[in-house]
Protein backbone atom coordinates (compact mmCIF):
# COMPACT_ATOMS: atom_id res chain seq x y z
CA MET A 1 -103.30 34.54 81.41
CA LYS A 2 -104.21 35.40 77.83
CA LYS A 3 -107.71 36.52 78.75
CA THR A 4 -106.28 38.99 81.30
CA GLY A 5 -103.93 40.49 78.74
CA ARG A 6 -106.69 40.87 76.23
CA MET A 7 -109.00 42.51 78.79
CA PHE A 8 -106.28 44.96 79.75
CA GLY A 9 -105.80 45.78 76.03
CA TYR A 10 -109.53 46.49 75.61
CA LEU A 11 -109.54 48.71 78.70
CA THR A 12 -106.54 50.65 77.53
CA LEU A 13 -108.12 51.11 74.05
CA GLY A 14 -111.41 52.27 75.63
CA ALA A 15 -109.65 54.77 77.91
CA THR A 16 -107.70 56.11 74.97
CA VAL A 17 -110.80 56.59 72.86
CA LEU A 18 -112.63 58.35 75.70
CA GLY A 19 -109.67 60.60 76.31
CA LEU A 20 -109.42 61.67 72.72
CA GLY A 21 -113.16 62.32 72.57
CA GLY A 22 -112.84 64.68 75.53
CA LEU A 23 -110.06 66.59 73.86
CA ALA A 24 -112.18 67.08 70.76
CA SER A 25 -114.71 69.07 72.73
CA CYS A 26 -112.12 71.47 74.17
CA VAL A 27 -111.78 74.86 72.53
CA THR A 28 -109.16 77.53 72.72
CA PRO A 29 -110.01 80.78 74.44
CA GLY A 30 -109.93 82.62 71.11
CA GLU A 31 -112.58 80.30 69.71
CA LYS A 32 -114.82 81.12 72.60
CA LEU A 33 -114.25 84.84 72.18
CA ARG A 34 -115.02 85.02 68.42
CA PRO A 35 -118.82 84.83 68.63
CA ARG A 36 -118.91 87.33 71.52
CA ALA A 37 -116.68 89.83 69.67
CA ALA A 38 -118.68 89.44 66.49
CA PHE A 39 -121.76 90.42 68.38
CA ASP A 40 -120.13 93.36 70.17
CA LEU A 41 -118.42 94.72 67.05
CA GLN A 42 -121.40 94.01 64.79
CA CYS A 43 -119.06 92.17 62.38
CA ALA A 44 -119.08 88.65 60.91
CA GLU A 45 -116.70 86.16 62.66
CA ASP A 46 -114.83 85.63 59.40
CA ASN A 47 -113.90 89.35 59.33
CA LEU A 48 -112.37 89.53 62.82
CA ASN A 49 -108.61 89.71 63.45
CA MET A 50 -107.50 88.55 66.88
CA THR A 51 -104.25 89.50 68.66
CA GLU A 52 -102.91 88.06 71.88
CA LEU A 53 -102.05 90.97 74.20
CA GLY A 54 -100.97 89.03 77.28
CA GLY A 55 -101.19 85.88 79.32
CA GLN A 56 -101.51 82.32 78.07
CA CYS A 57 -104.26 82.82 75.49
CA GLY A 58 -103.15 80.08 73.14
CA VAL A 59 -103.45 77.38 75.77
CA VAL A 60 -106.42 75.00 75.63
CA GLN A 61 -108.56 75.81 78.64
CA PHE A 62 -109.37 72.82 80.87
CA ALA A 63 -110.07 75.09 83.81
CA GLU A 64 -110.68 78.76 84.48
CA GLY A 65 -108.03 80.90 82.80
CA GLU A 66 -106.37 83.95 84.28
CA GLY A 67 -104.26 86.76 82.91
CA CYS A 68 -105.34 86.35 79.30
CA SER A 69 -106.16 89.44 77.19
CA MET A 70 -107.03 89.67 73.47
CA GLY A 71 -107.46 92.51 71.06
CA VAL A 72 -110.10 92.04 68.37
CA SER A 73 -110.54 94.21 65.28
CA GLY A 74 -112.86 94.04 62.26
CA CYS A 75 -115.35 96.08 60.20
CA GLY A 76 -113.68 99.31 61.23
CA ARG A 77 -113.93 98.68 64.98
CA ARG A 78 -111.76 97.28 67.66
CA ALA A 79 -112.02 96.22 71.26
CA THR A 80 -109.97 94.62 74.07
CA TYR A 81 -111.18 91.64 76.09
CA VAL A 82 -109.92 89.95 79.24
CA MET A 83 -110.63 86.44 80.49
CA VAL A 84 -112.52 86.58 83.87
CA GLY A 85 -112.91 83.09 85.20
CA SER A 86 -114.07 81.23 82.12
CA THR A 87 -115.83 84.16 80.42
CA TRP A 88 -114.54 86.89 78.08
CA VAL A 89 -115.33 90.45 79.22
CA LYS A 90 -114.85 93.59 77.02
CA ASN A 91 -112.76 95.86 79.19
CA ASP A 92 -113.01 99.11 77.18
CA ASN A 93 -115.18 101.02 74.81
CA THR A 94 -115.30 99.90 71.19
CA ILE A 95 -113.08 102.15 69.11
CA GLU A 96 -113.94 103.20 65.60
CA GLU A 97 -110.77 102.78 63.48
CA GLU A 98 -109.88 105.53 61.03
CA ASP A 99 -109.84 104.72 57.30
CA LYS A 100 -106.17 104.39 56.37
CA ASN A 101 -106.69 105.08 52.61
């Protein structure tokens, strides 16, 4: 009986470790968008500001997302992106922001 309990404990521990390892590889939609927006806006990722515009953008994506839109601005430019399946698509022209000084 003790061997069965110990075996169950090892199996439970193994499943937990595997599950946590899988979560570590998941990224939020915004993290997936940042490199794409940096390329489109010709701006370093650290200089980008991201704003949720609609949908469930803050949810970790385990499957294809729908209804998520994000605004991204930086380096005097801004653009709007929508999640199509599991890919971000820029849905407008890049806008040059006016200098507010």
